[in-house]
Amino acid sequence: MLEKIKIAAIVILLVTVSLFYKNWQFEKAEKTRQTANLVSLRKADSLNYATQILNVTELKEYLQYQNSDLKNKLAKSGIKENRITEIIRTNYIYKDTIKQETDVSGLIDAVKKTIPKQQSWSDTNGCLTVKGLVVFDGQKLKVTVQERDLKNNTHAVAYWERKPWTFLGLKSRFLGKKQFTAKVFDECGKTQFLRIEKKQ
């Protein structure tokens, strides 16, 4: 009888140790994943690229609190949240501060004589072309924009490099730990990528 109690106690102890060990492994993996997410978001400002791995609850919270507009679009499209495997978000920022002038002196005589006249104009740089008309109808002078054309090529390249480390005050990447990073190349403007993966 005493031996059966000992065997039962050993089995219970082994099961308990096994459960604690599995829980410890899970918590360690979760901490590693969350730390990697935070590091990626911190580096996003300089790299213009970030990757996050979110579990099901975190993905639902992201859609509810951080990107509710996307959540509404998914609902309208009939896409269920539990079927999402990956979200790639791109922010594109373009601001043109180059001053360009178009000569519309041909309209001055028409305005003075109240003769209806129109003149086309365009403003072009390497990325953006804006075209329109300046129209004088005899009473009012109007500037209309008829076309805006934005052309940009964006390349996001993921690659690995060695992590720098210091030895005797000398920085080196030789024999450093491999780490994955990304670089975004734009012809114009600034593009930021956020890649969100669903944890399997």
C-alpha atoms as a PDB file:
ATOM      1  CA  MET A   1       0.000   0.000   0.000  1.00  0.00           C
ATOM      2  CA  LEU A   2       2.842   2.338   0.903  1.00  0.00           C
ATOM      3  CA  GLU A   3       4.530   1.622  -2.424  1.00  0.00           C
ATOM      4  CA  LYS A   4       1.345   2.490  -4.354  1.00  0.00           C
ATOM      5  CA  ILE A   5       1.216   5.846  -2.535  1.00  0.00           C
ATOM      6  CA  LYS A   6       4.871   6.460  -3.395  1.00  0.00           C
ATOM      7  CA  ILE A   7       4.279   5.607  -7.065  1.00  0.00           C
ATOM      8  CA  ALA A   8       1.190   7.844  -7.186  1.00  0.00           C
ATOM      9  CA  ALA A   9       3.134  10.687  -5.541  1.00  0.00           C
ATOM     10  CA  ILE A  10       5.991  10.278  -8.053  1.00  0.00           C
ATOM     11  CA  VAL A  11       3.553  10.284 -11.000  1.00  0.00           C
ATOM     12  CA  ILE A  12       1.796  13.397  -9.655  1.00  0.00           C
ATOM     13  CA  LEU A  13       5.173  15.063  -9.094  1.00  0.00           C
ATOM     14  CA  LEU A  14       6.332  14.203 -12.642  1.00  0.00           C
ATOM     15  CA  VAL A  15       3.089  15.499 -14.173  1.00  0.00           C
ATOM     16  CA  THR A  16       3.341  18.716 -12.137  1.00  0.00           C
ATOM     17  CA  VAL A  17       6.992  19.242 -13.112  1.00  0.00           C
ATOM     18  CA  SER A  18       6.130  18.548 -16.753  1.00  0.00           C
ATOM     19  CA  LEU A  19       3.278  21.084 -16.700  1.00  0.00           C
ATOM     20  CA  PHE A  20       5.455  23.719 -15.029  1.00  0.00           C
ATOM     21  CA  TYR A  21       8.214  23.096 -17.585  1.00  0.00           C
ATOM     22  CA  LYS A  22       5.810  23.438 -20.554  1.00  0.00           C
ATOM     23  CA  ASN A  23       4.349  26.607 -19.040  1.00  0.00           C
ATOM     24  CA  TRP A  24       7.868  27.979 -18.529  1.00  0.00           C
ATOM     25  CA  GLN A  25       8.758  27.225 -22.169  1.00  0.00           C
ATOM     26  CA  PHE A  26       5.563  28.921 -23.379  1.00  0.00           C
ATOM     27  CA  GLU A  27       6.184  32.025 -21.250  1.00  0.00           C
ATOM     28  CA  LYS A  28       9.782  32.198 -22.467  1.00  0.00           C
ATOM     29  CA  ALA A  29       8.660  31.998 -26.121  1.00  0.00           C
ATOM     30  CA  GLU A  30       5.990  34.668 -25.513  1.00  0.00           C
ATOM     31  CA  LYS A  31       8.523  36.985 -23.877  1.00  0.00           C
ATOM     32  CA  THR A  32      10.917  36.512 -26.790  1.00  0.00           C
ATOM     33  CA  ARG A  33       8.142  37.220 -29.321  1.00  0.00           C
ATOM     34  CA  GLN A  34       6.930  40.342 -27.507  1.00  0.00           C
ATOM     35  CA  THR A  35      10.495  41.639 -27.113  1.00  0.00           C
ATOM     36  CA  ALA A  36      11.101  41.111 -30.842  1.00  0.00           C
ATOM     37  CA  ASN A  37       7.873  43.025 -31.621  1.00  0.00           C
ATOM     38  CA  LEU A  38       8.955  45.961 -29.455  1.00  0.00           C
ATOM     39  CA  VAL A  39      12.469  46.039 -30.938  1.00  0.00           C
ATOM     40  CA  SER A  40      11.006  45.970 -34.452  1.00  0.00           C
ATOM     41  CA  LEU A  41       8.656  48.875 -33.677  1.00  0.00           C
ATOM     42  CA  ARG A  42      11.502  50.845 -32.111  1.00  0.00           C
ATOM     43  CA  LYS A  43      13.677  50.372 -35.202  1.00  0.00           C
ATOM     44  CA  ALA A  44      10.782  51.180 -37.574  1.00  0.00           C
ATOM     45  CA  ASP A  45      11.536  54.917 -37.536  1.00  0.00           C
ATOM     46  CA  SER A  46      14.990  54.473 -39.007  1.00  0.00           C
ATOM     47  CA  LEU A  47      14.388  51.390 -41.166  1.00  0.00           C
ATOM     48  CA  ASN A  48      10.863  52.320 -42.365  1.00  0.00           C
ATOM     49  CA  TYR A  49      10.016  48.644 -41.961  1.00  0.00           C
ATOM     50  CA  ALA A  50       8.613  46.727 -39.009  1.00  0.00           C
ATOM     51  CA  THR A  51       7.427  43.165 -38.461  1.00  0.00           C
ATOM     52  CA  GLN A  52       5.177  42.038 -35.648  1.00  0.00           C
ATOM     53  CA  ILE A  53       3.932  38.569 -34.747  1.00  0.00           C
ATOM     54  CA  LEU A  54       0.608  38.798 -32.930  1.00  0.00           C
ATOM     55  CA  ASN A  55      -1.438  36.057 -31.322  1.00  0.00           C
ATOM     56  CA  VAL A  56      -5.192  35.830 -31.959  1.00  0.00           C
ATOM     57  CA  THR A  57      -6.136  38.133 -29.066  1.00  0.00           C
ATOM     58  CA  GLU A  58      -3.500  40.740 -29.964  1.00  0.00           C
ATOM     59  CA  LEU A  59      -4.601  40.684 -33.628  1.00  0.00           C
ATOM     60  CA  LYS A  60      -8.223  41.323 -32.594  1.00  0.00           C
ATOM     61  CA  GLU A  61      -7.083  44.175 -30.314  1.00  0.00           C
ATOM     62  CA  TYR A  62      -4.981  45.638 -33.152  1.00  0.00           C
ATOM     63  CA  LEU A  63      -7.995  45.647 -35.454  1.00  0.00           C
ATOM     64  CA  GLN A  64     -10.300  47.036 -32.776  1.00  0.00           C
ATOM     65  CA  TYR A  65      -8.123  49.794 -31.292  1.00  0.00           C
ATOM     66  CA  GLN A  66      -5.295  50.613 -33.696  1.00  0.00           C
ATOM     67  CA  ASN A  67      -6.878  50.039 -37.106  1.00  0.00           C
ATOM     68  CA  SER A  68     -10.658  50.136 -36.744  1.00  0.00           C
ATOM     69  CA  ASP A  69     -10.954  51.470 -40.302  1.00  0.00           C
ATOM     70  CA  LEU A  70      -9.462  48.211 -41.609  1.00  0.00           C
ATOM     71  CA  LYS A  71     -11.797  46.237 -39.353  1.00  0.00           C
ATOM     72  CA  ASN A  72     -14.794  47.986 -40.951  1.00  0.00           C
ATOM     73  CA  LYS A  73     -13.432  47.304 -44.448  1.00  0.00           C
ATOM     74  CA  LEU A  74     -12.951  43.621 -43.588  1.00  0.00           C
ATOM     75  CA  ALA A  75     -16.525  43.406 -42.286  1.00  0.00           C
ATOM     76  CA  LYS A  76     -17.897  45.028 -45.461  1.00  0.00           C
ATOM     77  CA  SER A  77     -15.860  42.636 -47.623  1.00  0.00           C
ATOM     78  CA  GLY A  78     -17.038  39.594 -45.652  1.00  0.00           C
ATOM     79  CA  ILE A  79     -13.539  38.621 -44.464  1.00  0.00           C
ATOM     80  CA  LYS A  80     -13.578  36.959 -41.055  1.00  0.00           C
ATOM     81  CA  GLU A  81     -10.912  38.005 -38.556  1.00  0.00           C
ATOM     82  CA  ASN A  82     -10.049  34.420 -37.613  1.00  0.00           C
ATOM     83  CA  ARG A  83      -9.073  33.682 -41.240  1.00  0.00           C
ATOM     84  CA  ILE A  84      -6.483  36.463 -41.462  1.00  0.00           C
ATOM     85  CA  THR A  85      -2.937  35.131 -41.694  1.00  0.00           C
ATOM     86  CA  GLU A  86      -0.995  38.321 -42.427  1.00  0.00           C
ATOM     87  CA  ILE A  87      -1.539  42.075 -42.763  1.00  0.00           C
ATOM     88  CA  ILE A  88       0.877  44.333 -44.618  1.00  0.00           C
ATOM     89  CA  ARG A  89       0.268  48.047 -44.063  1.00  0.00           C
ATOM     90  CA  THR A  90       1.988  50.696 -46.171  1.00  0.00           C
ATOM     91  CA  ASN A  91       2.076  54.395 -45.307  1.00  0.00           C
ATOM     92  CA  TYR A  92       3.124  56.636 -48.187  1.00  0.00           C
ATOM     93  CA  ILE A  93       3.995  60.260 -47.465  1.00  0.00           C
ATOM     94  CA  TYR A  94       4.713  62.671 -50.319  1.00  0.00           C
ATOM     95  CA  LYS A  95       5.124  66.417 -49.983  1.00  0.00           C
ATOM     96  CA  ASP A  96       6.216  68.698 -52.810  1.00  0.00           C
ATOM     97  CA  THR A  97       7.587  72.082 -51.745  1.00  0.00           C
ATOM     98  CA  ILE A  98       9.191  73.043 -55.062  1.00  0.00           C
ATOM     99  CA  LYS A  99       7.900  76.392 -56.315  1.00  0.00           C
ATOM    100  CA  GLN A 100       7.043  76.446 -60.009  1.00  0.00           C
ATOM    101  CA  GLU A 101       5.354  79.186 -61.936  1.00  0.00           C
ATOM    102  CA  THR A 102       3.272  79.064 -65.105  1.00  0.00           C
ATOM    103  CA  ASP A 103       3.008  82.138 -67.308  1.00  0.00           C
ATOM    104  CA  VAL A 104      -0.638  83.087 -67.846  1.00  0.00           C
ATOM    105  CA  SER A 105       0.044  86.522 -69.310  1.00  0.00           C
ATOM    106  CA  GLY A 106      -2.035  85.590 -72.378  1.00  0.00           C
ATOM    107  CA  LEU A 107      -5.105  85.797 -70.180  1.00  0.00           C
ATOM    108  CA  ILE A 108      -4.421  89.385 -69.071  1.00  0.00           C
ATOM    109  CA  ASP A 109      -5.700  90.925 -72.330  1.00  0.00           C
ATOM    110  CA  ALA A 110      -8.760  88.669 -72.255  1.00  0.00           C
ATOM    111  CA  VAL A 111      -9.517  89.696 -68.671  1.00  0.00           C
ATOM    112  CA  LYS A 112      -9.096  93.406 -69.497  1.00  0.00           C
ATOM    113  CA  LYS A 113     -11.401  93.124 -72.522  1.00  0.00           C
ATOM    114  CA  THR A 114     -13.768  90.653 -70.775  1.00  0.00           C
ATOM    115  CA  ILE A 115     -13.292  88.116 -73.554  1.00  0.00           C
ATOM    116  CA  PRO A 116     -13.760  84.464 -72.517  1.00  0.00           C
ATOM    117  CA  LYS A 117     -10.531  82.532 -72.821  1.00  0.00           C
ATOM    118  CA  GLN A 118      -8.809  79.497 -71.324  1.00  0.00           C
ATOM    119  CA  GLN A 119      -5.209  78.389 -70.977  1.00  0.00           C
ATOM    120  CA  SER A 120      -3.883  75.005 -69.938  1.00  0.00           C
ATOM    121  CA  TRP A 121      -1.095  74.586 -67.387  1.00  0.00           C
ATOM    122  CA  SER A 122       0.943  71.779 -65.929  1.00  0.00           C
ATOM    123  CA  ASP A 123       3.324  71.336 -63.008  1.00  0.00           C
ATOM    124  CA  THR A 124       5.732  68.410 -63.237  1.00  0.00           C
ATOM    125  CA  ASN A 125       8.590  67.035 -61.210  1.00  0.00           C
ATOM    126  CA  GLY A 126      10.088  63.542 -61.137  1.00  0.00           C
ATOM    127  CA  CYS A 127       7.112  61.948 -59.397  1.00  0.00           C
ATOM    128  CA  LEU A 128       4.032  64.118 -59.589  1.00  0.00           C
ATOM    129  CA  THR A 129       2.352  65.717 -62.603  1.00  0.00           C
ATOM    130  CA  VAL A 130      -0.557  68.086 -62.083  1.00  0.00           C
ATOM    131  CA  LYS A 131      -2.461  69.442 -65.105  1.00  0.00           C
ATOM    132  CA  GLY A 132      -5.296  71.901 -65.308  1.00  0.00           C
ATOM    133  CA  LEU A 133      -6.901  74.926 -66.906  1.00  0.00           C
ATOM    134  CA  VAL A 134      -7.134  78.616 -66.117  1.00  0.00           C
ATOM    135  CA  VAL A 135     -10.513  79.702 -67.461  1.00  0.00           C
ATOM    136  CA  PHE A 136     -11.908  83.216 -67.790  1.00  0.00           C
ATOM    137  CA  ASP A 137     -15.580  83.079 -68.780  1.00  0.00           C
ATOM    138  CA  GLY A 138     -16.035  86.843 -69.105  1.00  0.00           C
ATOM    139  CA  GLN A 139     -17.007  87.285 -65.439  1.00  0.00           C
ATOM    140  CA  LYS A 140     -14.941  84.958 -63.254  1.00  0.00           C
ATOM    141  CA  LEU A 141     -11.384  83.669 -63.354  1.00  0.00           C
ATOM    142  CA  LYS A 142     -11.165  79.992 -62.352  1.00  0.00           C
ATOM    143  CA  VAL A 143      -8.250  77.632 -61.884  1.00  0.00           C
ATOM    144  CA  THR A 144      -9.211  73.987 -62.250  1.00  0.00           C
ATOM    145  CA  VAL A 145      -7.083  70.899 -61.698  1.00  0.00           C
ATOM    146  CA  GLN A 146      -7.967  68.217 -64.217  1.00  0.00           C
ATOM    147  CA  GLU A 147      -5.365  65.546 -63.578  1.00  0.00           C
ATOM    148  CA  ARG A 148      -2.965  64.457 -60.837  1.00  0.00           C
ATOM    149  CA  ASP A 149      -0.560  61.678 -61.718  1.00  0.00           C
ATOM    150  CA  LEU A 150       1.794  60.211 -59.093  1.00  0.00           C
ATOM    151  CA  LYS A 151       4.413  57.677 -60.142  1.00  0.00           C
ATOM    152  CA  ASN A 152       6.630  56.020 -57.570  1.00  0.00           C
ATOM    153  CA  ASN A 153       8.536  52.776 -57.306  1.00  0.00           C
ATOM    154  CA  THR A 154       9.073  51.393 -53.831  1.00  0.00           C
ATOM    155  CA  HIS A 155      11.296  48.438 -53.065  1.00  0.00           C
ATOM    156  CA  ALA A 156      11.424  46.842 -49.628  1.00  0.00           C
ATOM    157  CA  VAL A 157      14.409  44.520 -49.306  1.00  0.00           C
ATOM    158  CA  ALA A 158      14.757  42.145 -46.356  1.00  0.00           C
ATOM    159  CA  TYR A 159      18.269  40.924 -45.629  1.00  0.00           C
ATOM    160  CA  TRP A 160      20.495  39.754 -42.805  1.00  0.00           C
ATOM    161  CA  GLU A 161      23.589  41.323 -41.366  1.00  0.00           C
ATOM    162  CA  ARG A 162      25.893  40.684 -38.457  1.00  0.00           C
ATOM    163  CA  LYS A 163      25.100  42.439 -35.184  1.00  0.00           C
ATOM    164  CA  PRO A 164      27.917  44.789 -34.141  1.00  0.00           C
ATOM    165  CA  TRP A 165      29.766  44.037 -30.935  1.00  0.00           C
ATOM    166  CA  THR A 166      32.647  45.660 -29.075  1.00  0.00           C
ATOM    167  CA  PHE A 167      35.918  44.023 -28.052  1.00  0.00           C
ATOM    168  CA  LEU A 168      38.593  46.081 -26.316  1.00  0.00           C
ATOM    169  CA  GLY A 169      36.897  49.295 -27.491  1.00  0.00           C
ATOM    170  CA  LEU A 170      36.823  48.226 -31.152  1.00  0.00           C
ATOM    171  CA  LYS A 171      33.482  47.804 -32.886  1.00  0.00           C
ATOM    172  CA  SER A 172      33.197  44.906 -35.287  1.00  0.00           C
ATOM    173  CA  ARG A 173      30.555  42.865 -37.077  1.00  0.00           C
ATOM    174  CA  PHE A 174      32.941  39.953 -37.561  1.00  0.00           C
ATOM    175  CA  LEU A 175      31.458  36.814 -35.967  1.00  0.00           C
ATOM    176  CA  GLY A 176      28.496  38.856 -34.678  1.00  0.00           C
ATOM    177  CA  LYS A 177      25.079  37.273 -34.300  1.00  0.00           C
ATOM    178  CA  LYS A 178      22.990  37.219 -37.488  1.00  0.00           C
ATOM    179  CA  GLN A 179      19.980  39.544 -37.414  1.00  0.00           C
ATOM    180  CA  PHE A 180      17.379  40.217 -40.068  1.00  0.00           C
ATOM    181  CA  THR A 181      16.647  43.767 -41.131  1.00  0.00           C
ATOM    182  CA  ALA A 182      15.080  45.607 -44.058  1.00  0.00           C
ATOM    183  CA  LYS A 183      15.708  48.663 -46.196  1.00  0.00           C
ATOM    184  CA  VAL A 184      13.077  50.632 -48.112  1.00  0.00           C
ATOM    185  CA  PHE A 185      14.057  52.396 -51.355  1.00  0.00           C
ATOM    186  CA  ASP A 186      11.729  55.094 -52.741  1.00  0.00           C
ATOM    187  CA  GLU A 187      12.057  57.162 -55.881  1.00  0.00           C
ATOM    188  CA  CYS A 188      10.129  59.948 -54.185  1.00  0.00           C
ATOM    189  CA  GLY A 189       8.385  60.491 -50.897  1.00  0.00           C
ATOM    190  CA  LYS A 190       8.683  58.189 -47.915  1.00  0.00           C
ATOM    191  CA  THR A 191       7.091  54.779 -47.513  1.00  0.00           C
ATOM    192  CA  GLN A 192       6.750  52.938 -44.205  1.00  0.00           C
ATOM    193  CA  PHE A 193       5.841  49.251 -44.049  1.00  0.00           C
ATOM    194  CA  LEU A 194       4.303  47.382 -41.131  1.00  0.00           C
ATOM    195  CA  ARG A 195       3.994  43.621 -41.537  1.00  0.00           C
ATOM    196  CA  ILE A 196       1.792  41.835 -39.034  1.00  0.00           C
ATOM    197  CA  GLU A 197       1.872  38.035 -38.928  1.00  0.00           C
ATOM    198  CA  LYS A 198      -0.623  35.913 -37.060  1.00  0.00           C
ATOM    199  CA  LYS A 199       1.096  33.576 -34.600  1.00  0.00           C
ATOM    200  CA  GLN A 200       0.433  29.974 -35.517  1.00  0.00           C
END
